[in-house]
Amino acid sequence: MHWEERLLALFDDLEQQAEGLALSARDAEVAELGRAEYAQVDLGSRLHGSLGRRVGLVVTGIGPLDARLGRVGSDWCLAEAATHEWLVRLAAVTRVGELGQQAVDPRHRALGARLGFGSALRGVAEDGAPVLVHLLDGTQARGWLRRVGADFLELRAEQDVARGDGAGGRLDAVPFAAVAGVRTTT
């Protein structure tokens, strides 16, 4: 082998090594971009990707719920369990099992899916059905939703209505931050 052949073989080898390093660097960059992209996915996006599926929710103040995901808002979900429908605040969810692999970008969700917990509660209040409000501390409050503010709900206690106080009686204001979930009692 002449020096020219050895030199060309050396250049070919160096070229192949450079291509291998470039491919490795590109693979590492693609992997990092994938991790950075997934870091932007929130729980609501994953729940949206599982609409209609049965999931296992564990909710502070409520416990485990085996339910079908009926709707998902910006900070809540409608969990359709065997006996009740629950409006669950996502902030109270501690674990979700059986999620699908999909996620739905917030920009691609329907307008109704961008509504917050207060909007969902206003719909319940308009129905006029009695509710059971589960709080994060594990306590419960029964009554009727009367009004829903920006970050709180007003609940007329069940005993006030039972006494015949009707529109009178005590109204308790409950901050959303204290609520785990709400369900109708009927």
C-alpha atoms as a PDB file:
ATOM      1  CA  MET A   1       0.000   0.000   0.000  1.00  0.00           C
ATOM      2  CA  HIS A   2       1.396   3.348  -1.004  1.00  0.00           C
ATOM      3  CA  TRP A   3       1.401   6.406   1.181  1.00  0.00           C
ATOM      4  CA  GLU A   4      -1.349   7.937  -0.971  1.00  0.00           C
ATOM      5  CA  GLU A   5      -3.664   4.961  -0.369  1.00  0.00           C
ATOM      6  CA  ARG A   6      -2.919   5.046   3.374  1.00  0.00           C
ATOM      7  CA  LEU A   7      -3.609   8.772   3.474  1.00  0.00           C
ATOM      8  CA  LEU A   8      -6.931   8.337   1.614  1.00  0.00           C
ATOM      9  CA  ALA A   9      -7.898   5.477   3.950  1.00  0.00           C
ATOM     10  CA  LEU A  10      -7.073   7.717   6.951  1.00  0.00           C
ATOM     11  CA  PHE A  11      -9.206  10.534   5.515  1.00  0.00           C
ATOM     12  CA  ASP A  12     -12.100   8.124   4.872  1.00  0.00           C
ATOM     13  CA  ASP A  13     -11.836   6.859   8.445  1.00  0.00           C
ATOM     14  CA  LEU A  14     -11.774  10.408   9.865  1.00  0.00           C
ATOM     15  CA  GLU A  15     -14.746  11.352   7.692  1.00  0.00           C
ATOM     16  CA  GLN A  16     -16.758   8.372   8.948  1.00  0.00           C
ATOM     17  CA  GLN A  17     -15.894   9.234  12.568  1.00  0.00           C
ATOM     18  CA  ALA A  18     -16.980  12.836  12.011  1.00  0.00           C
ATOM     19  CA  GLU A  19     -20.284  11.673  10.494  1.00  0.00           C
ATOM     20  CA  GLY A  20     -20.823   9.334  13.452  1.00  0.00           C
ATOM     21  CA  LEU A  21     -20.165  12.150  15.935  1.00  0.00           C
ATOM     22  CA  ALA A  22     -22.542  14.457  14.045  1.00  0.00           C
ATOM     23  CA  LEU A  23     -25.274  11.799  14.106  1.00  0.00           C
ATOM     24  CA  SER A  24     -24.724  11.207  17.841  1.00  0.00           C
ATOM     25  CA  ALA A  25     -24.888  14.946  18.515  1.00  0.00           C
ATOM     26  CA  ARG A  26     -28.073  15.205  16.445  1.00  0.00           C
ATOM     27  CA  ASP A  27     -29.639  12.252  18.283  1.00  0.00           C
ATOM     28  CA  ALA A  28     -28.800  13.847  21.636  1.00  0.00           C
ATOM     29  CA  GLU A  29     -30.276  17.161  20.489  1.00  0.00           C
ATOM     30  CA  VAL A  30     -33.470  15.474  19.269  1.00  0.00           C
ATOM     31  CA  ALA A  31     -33.795  13.618  22.589  1.00  0.00           C
ATOM     32  CA  GLU A  32     -33.304  16.854  24.542  1.00  0.00           C
ATOM     33  CA  LEU A  33     -35.873  18.677  22.401  1.00  0.00           C
ATOM     34  CA  GLY A  34     -38.326  15.821  23.015  1.00  0.00           C
ATOM     35  CA  ARG A  35     -37.819  16.092  26.791  1.00  0.00           C
ATOM     36  CA  ALA A  36     -38.187  19.872  26.671  1.00  0.00           C
ATOM     37  CA  GLU A  37     -41.375  19.579  24.594  1.00  0.00           C
ATOM     38  CA  TYR A  38     -42.901  17.003  26.960  1.00  0.00           C
ATOM     39  CA  ALA A  39     -42.023  19.211  29.936  1.00  0.00           C
ATOM     40  CA  GLN A  40     -44.698  21.612  28.611  1.00  0.00           C
ATOM     41  CA  VAL A  41     -47.477  18.957  28.783  1.00  0.00           C
ATOM     42  CA  ASP A  42     -49.756  19.466  31.784  1.00  0.00           C
ATOM     43  CA  LEU A  43     -52.160  17.036  33.455  1.00  0.00           C
ATOM     44  CA  GLY A  44     -55.147  18.646  31.738  1.00  0.00           C
ATOM     45  CA  SER A  45     -53.592  17.910  28.336  1.00  0.00           C
ATOM     46  CA  ARG A  46     -53.126  14.257  29.257  1.00  0.00           C
ATOM     47  CA  LEU A  47     -56.691  14.036  30.605  1.00  0.00           C
ATOM     48  CA  HIS A  48     -58.039  15.578  27.374  1.00  0.00           C
ATOM     49  CA  GLY A  49     -56.252  12.830  25.488  1.00  0.00           C
ATOM     50  CA  SER A  50     -58.185  10.282  27.569  1.00  0.00           C
ATOM     51  CA  LEU A  51     -61.714  11.684  27.223  1.00  0.00           C
ATOM     52  CA  GLY A  52     -64.282   8.905  27.223  1.00  0.00           C
ATOM     53  CA  ARG A  53     -61.892   6.431  28.865  1.00  0.00           C
ATOM     54  CA  ARG A  54     -62.262   4.866  32.285  1.00  0.00           C
ATOM     55  CA  VAL A  55     -59.538   6.102  34.593  1.00  0.00           C
ATOM     56  CA  GLY A  56     -58.697   5.651  38.226  1.00  0.00           C
ATOM     57  CA  LEU A  57     -58.553   9.024  39.967  1.00  0.00           C
ATOM     58  CA  VAL A  58     -57.284   9.436  43.497  1.00  0.00           C
ATOM     59  CA  VAL A  59     -58.565  12.715  44.897  1.00  0.00           C
ATOM     60  CA  THR A  60     -57.591  14.356  48.176  1.00  0.00           C
ATOM     61  CA  GLY A  61     -60.671  14.652  50.394  1.00  0.00           C
ATOM     62  CA  ILE A  62     -62.638  12.143  48.295  1.00  0.00           C
ATOM     63  CA  GLY A  63     -60.457   9.072  47.815  1.00  0.00           C
ATOM     64  CA  PRO A  64     -60.328   6.756  44.802  1.00  0.00           C
ATOM     65  CA  LEU A  65     -62.806   7.195  41.959  1.00  0.00           C
ATOM     66  CA  ASP A  66     -63.131   4.671  39.153  1.00  0.00           C
ATOM     67  CA  ALA A  67     -64.781   6.839  36.534  1.00  0.00           C
ATOM     68  CA  ARG A  68     -65.160   7.674  32.878  1.00  0.00           C
ATOM     69  CA  LEU A  69     -63.767  11.061  31.901  1.00  0.00           C
ATOM     70  CA  GLY A  70     -66.773  12.946  30.543  1.00  0.00           C
ATOM     71  CA  ARG A  71     -65.276  16.416  30.161  1.00  0.00           C
ATOM     72  CA  VAL A  72     -62.132  18.264  31.087  1.00  0.00           C
ATOM     73  CA  GLY A  73     -61.884  21.995  31.669  1.00  0.00           C
ATOM     74  CA  SER A  74     -58.914  24.200  32.357  1.00  0.00           C
ATOM     75  CA  ASP A  75     -58.692  23.182  36.020  1.00  0.00           C
ATOM     76  CA  TRP A  76     -61.358  20.502  36.527  1.00  0.00           C
ATOM     77  CA  CYS A  77     -62.731  17.288  35.109  1.00  0.00           C
ATOM     78  CA  LEU A  78     -66.118  15.587  35.049  1.00  0.00           C
ATOM     79  CA  ALA A  79     -65.684  12.086  36.412  1.00  0.00           C
ATOM     80  CA  GLU A  80     -68.683   9.857  35.690  1.00  0.00           C
ATOM     81  CA  ALA A  81     -68.556   7.151  38.371  1.00  0.00           C
ATOM     82  CA  ALA A  82     -71.036   4.298  38.780  1.00  0.00           C
ATOM     83  CA  THR A  83     -73.432   6.188  41.043  1.00  0.00           C
ATOM     84  CA  HIS A  84     -72.525   9.875  40.724  1.00  0.00           C
ATOM     85  CA  GLU A  85     -71.028  12.483  38.461  1.00  0.00           C
ATOM     86  CA  TRP A  86     -68.225  14.437  40.078  1.00  0.00           C
ATOM     87  CA  LEU A  87     -66.781  17.842  39.246  1.00  0.00           C
ATOM     88  CA  VAL A  88     -63.214  17.341  40.448  1.00  0.00           C
ATOM     89  CA  ARG A  89     -60.643  20.105  40.782  1.00  0.00           C
ATOM     90  CA  LEU A  90     -57.415  19.010  39.117  1.00  0.00           C
ATOM     91  CA  ALA A  91     -55.454  20.567  41.982  1.00  0.00           C
ATOM     92  CA  ALA A  92     -56.994  17.919  44.274  1.00  0.00           C
ATOM     93  CA  VAL A  93     -56.008  14.976  42.065  1.00  0.00           C
ATOM     94  CA  THR A  94     -53.049  13.089  43.512  1.00  0.00           C
ATOM     95  CA  ARG A  95     -52.893  10.232  41.017  1.00  0.00           C
ATOM     96  CA  VAL A  96     -54.477   9.093  37.753  1.00  0.00           C
ATOM     97  CA  GLY A  97     -54.295   5.525  36.519  1.00  0.00           C
ATOM     98  CA  GLU A  98     -55.133   4.109  33.106  1.00  0.00           C
ATOM     99  CA  LEU A  99     -54.469   7.315  31.144  1.00  0.00           C
ATOM    100  CA  GLY A 100     -54.094   6.905  27.416  1.00  0.00           C
ATOM    101  CA  GLN A 101     -50.858   7.852  25.668  1.00  0.00           C
ATOM    102  CA  GLN A 102     -52.341  10.937  23.988  1.00  0.00           C
ATOM    103  CA  ALA A 103     -52.194  14.561  25.078  1.00  0.00           C
ATOM    104  CA  VAL A 104     -54.181  17.442  23.559  1.00  0.00           C
ATOM    105  CA  ASP A 105     -52.529  20.826  23.253  1.00  0.00           C
ATOM    106  CA  PRO A 106     -54.616  23.571  24.923  1.00  0.00           C
ATOM    107  CA  ARG A 107     -54.662  25.532  21.659  1.00  0.00           C
ATOM    108  CA  HIS A 108     -56.493  22.647  19.966  1.00  0.00           C
ATOM    109  CA  ARG A 109     -59.234  22.209  22.561  1.00  0.00           C
ATOM    110  CA  ALA A 110     -62.813  23.312  22.101  1.00  0.00           C
ATOM    111  CA  LEU A 111     -63.793  26.622  23.668  1.00  0.00           C
ATOM    112  CA  GLY A 112     -65.867  24.860  26.338  1.00  0.00           C
ATOM    113  CA  ALA A 113     -62.787  22.903  27.414  1.00  0.00           C
ATOM    114  CA  ARG A 114     -61.057  26.156  28.331  1.00  0.00           C
ATOM    115  CA  LEU A 115     -63.666  27.060  30.939  1.00  0.00           C
ATOM    116  CA  GLY A 116     -62.679  26.990  34.580  1.00  0.00           C
ATOM    117  CA  PHE A 117     -64.093  25.305  37.672  1.00  0.00           C
ATOM    118  CA  GLY A 118     -66.326  28.314  38.399  1.00  0.00           C
ATOM    119  CA  SER A 119     -68.048  28.027  35.025  1.00  0.00           C
ATOM    120  CA  ALA A 120     -68.765  24.347  35.610  1.00  0.00           C
ATOM    121  CA  LEU A 121     -70.169  25.138  39.068  1.00  0.00           C
ATOM    122  CA  ARG A 122     -72.402  27.851  37.645  1.00  0.00           C
ATOM    123  CA  GLY A 123     -73.979  25.207  35.420  1.00  0.00           C
ATOM    124  CA  VAL A 124     -74.628  23.011  38.464  1.00  0.00           C
ATOM    125  CA  ALA A 125     -76.085  25.975  40.360  1.00  0.00           C
ATOM    126  CA  GLU A 126     -78.476  26.721  37.481  1.00  0.00           C
ATOM    127  CA  ASP A 127     -79.791  23.149  37.651  1.00  0.00           C
ATOM    128  CA  GLY A 128     -80.834  23.773  41.264  1.00  0.00           C
ATOM    129  CA  ALA A 129     -80.040  20.241  42.427  1.00  0.00           C
ATOM    130  CA  PRO A 130     -78.744  19.674  45.959  1.00  0.00           C
ATOM    131  CA  VAL A 131     -74.996  19.055  46.097  1.00  0.00           C
ATOM    132  CA  LEU A 132     -72.399  17.505  48.328  1.00  0.00           C
ATOM    133  CA  VAL A 133     -69.196  19.546  48.428  1.00  0.00           C
ATOM    134  CA  HIS A 134     -66.113  17.517  49.409  1.00  0.00           C
ATOM    135  CA  LEU A 135     -63.351  19.616  50.893  1.00  0.00           C
ATOM    136  CA  LEU A 136     -59.628  18.887  50.805  1.00  0.00           C
ATOM    137  CA  ASP A 137     -59.588  18.350  54.575  1.00  0.00           C
ATOM    138  CA  GLY A 138     -61.995  15.414  54.185  1.00  0.00           C
ATOM    139  CA  THR A 139     -65.096  17.201  55.460  1.00  0.00           C
ATOM    140  CA  GLN A 140     -68.297  17.558  53.477  1.00  0.00           C
ATOM    141  CA  ALA A 141     -71.003  20.185  53.185  1.00  0.00           C
ATOM    142  CA  ARG A 142     -74.515  19.489  51.854  1.00  0.00           C
ATOM    143  CA  GLY A 143     -76.761  22.116  50.405  1.00  0.00           C
ATOM    144  CA  TRP A 144     -77.559  24.127  47.300  1.00  0.00           C
ATOM    145  CA  LEU A 145     -75.189  26.208  45.238  1.00  0.00           C
ATOM    146  CA  ARG A 146     -76.619  29.698  45.148  1.00  0.00           C
ATOM    147  CA  ARG A 147     -73.956  31.845  43.518  1.00  0.00           C
ATOM    148  CA  VAL A 148     -70.471  31.249  42.231  1.00  0.00           C
ATOM    149  CA  GLY A 149     -67.848  33.979  42.363  1.00  0.00           C
ATOM    150  CA  ALA A 150     -64.450  34.231  40.740  1.00  0.00           C
ATOM    151  CA  ASP A 151     -62.748  31.957  43.266  1.00  0.00           C
ATOM    152  CA  PHE A 152     -65.466  30.824  45.677  1.00  0.00           C
ATOM    153  CA  LEU A 153     -68.905  29.278  45.821  1.00  0.00           C
ATOM    154  CA  GLU A 154     -71.836  30.135  48.069  1.00  0.00           C
ATOM    155  CA  LEU A 155     -73.596  27.171  49.603  1.00  0.00           C
ATOM    156  CA  ARG A 156     -76.973  27.321  51.340  1.00  0.00           C
ATOM    157  CA  ALA A 157     -76.818  24.654  54.019  1.00  0.00           C
ATOM    158  CA  GLU A 158     -79.235  21.734  53.706  1.00  0.00           C
ATOM    159  CA  GLN A 159     -80.535  22.154  57.263  1.00  0.00           C
ATOM    160  CA  ASP A 160     -81.547  25.776  56.565  1.00  0.00           C
ATOM    161  CA  VAL A 161     -83.745  24.658  53.659  1.00  0.00           C
ATOM    162  CA  ALA A 162     -85.133  21.747  55.717  1.00  0.00           C
ATOM    163  CA  ARG A 163     -86.175  24.237  58.437  1.00  0.00           C
ATOM    164  CA  GLY A 164     -88.122  26.157  55.817  1.00  0.00           C
ATOM    165  CA  ASP A 165     -85.750  29.120  55.618  1.00  0.00           C
ATOM    166  CA  GLY A 166     -86.046  28.924  51.816  1.00  0.00           C
ATOM    167  CA  ALA A 167     -84.141  31.826  50.327  1.00  0.00           C
ATOM    168  CA  GLY A 168     -83.146  32.970  53.823  1.00  0.00           C
ATOM    169  CA  GLY A 169     -80.805  31.247  56.194  1.00  0.00           C
ATOM    170  CA  ARG A 170     -77.083  30.983  56.197  1.00  0.00           C
ATOM    171  CA  LEU A 171     -74.903  31.143  53.106  1.00  0.00           C
ATOM    172  CA  ASP A 172     -71.403  29.750  53.482  1.00  0.00           C
ATOM    173  CA  ALA A 173     -68.678  30.999  51.171  1.00  0.00           C
ATOM    174  CA  VAL A 174     -66.235  28.236  50.266  1.00  0.00           C
ATOM    175  CA  PRO A 175     -63.010  29.115  48.430  1.00  0.00           C
ATOM    176  CA  PHE A 176     -62.298  26.930  45.393  1.00  0.00           C
ATOM    177  CA  ALA A 177     -58.844  26.298  46.871  1.00  0.00           C
ATOM    178  CA  ALA A 178     -60.532  24.317  49.692  1.00  0.00           C
ATOM    179  CA  VAL A 179     -62.727  22.213  47.369  1.00  0.00           C
ATOM    180  CA  ALA A 180     -61.751  18.734  46.177  1.00  0.00           C
ATOM    181  CA  GLY A 181     -64.921  18.015  44.243  1.00  0.00           C
ATOM    182  CA  VAL A 182     -68.671  18.489  44.003  1.00  0.00           C
ATOM    183  CA  ARG A 183     -71.400  16.005  43.188  1.00  0.00           C
ATOM    184  CA  THR A 184     -75.168  16.118  43.172  1.00  0.00           C
ATOM    185  CA  THR A 185     -76.917  14.209  45.948  1.00  0.00           C
ATOM    186  CA  THR A 186     -79.793  12.971  43.783  1.00  0.00           C
END
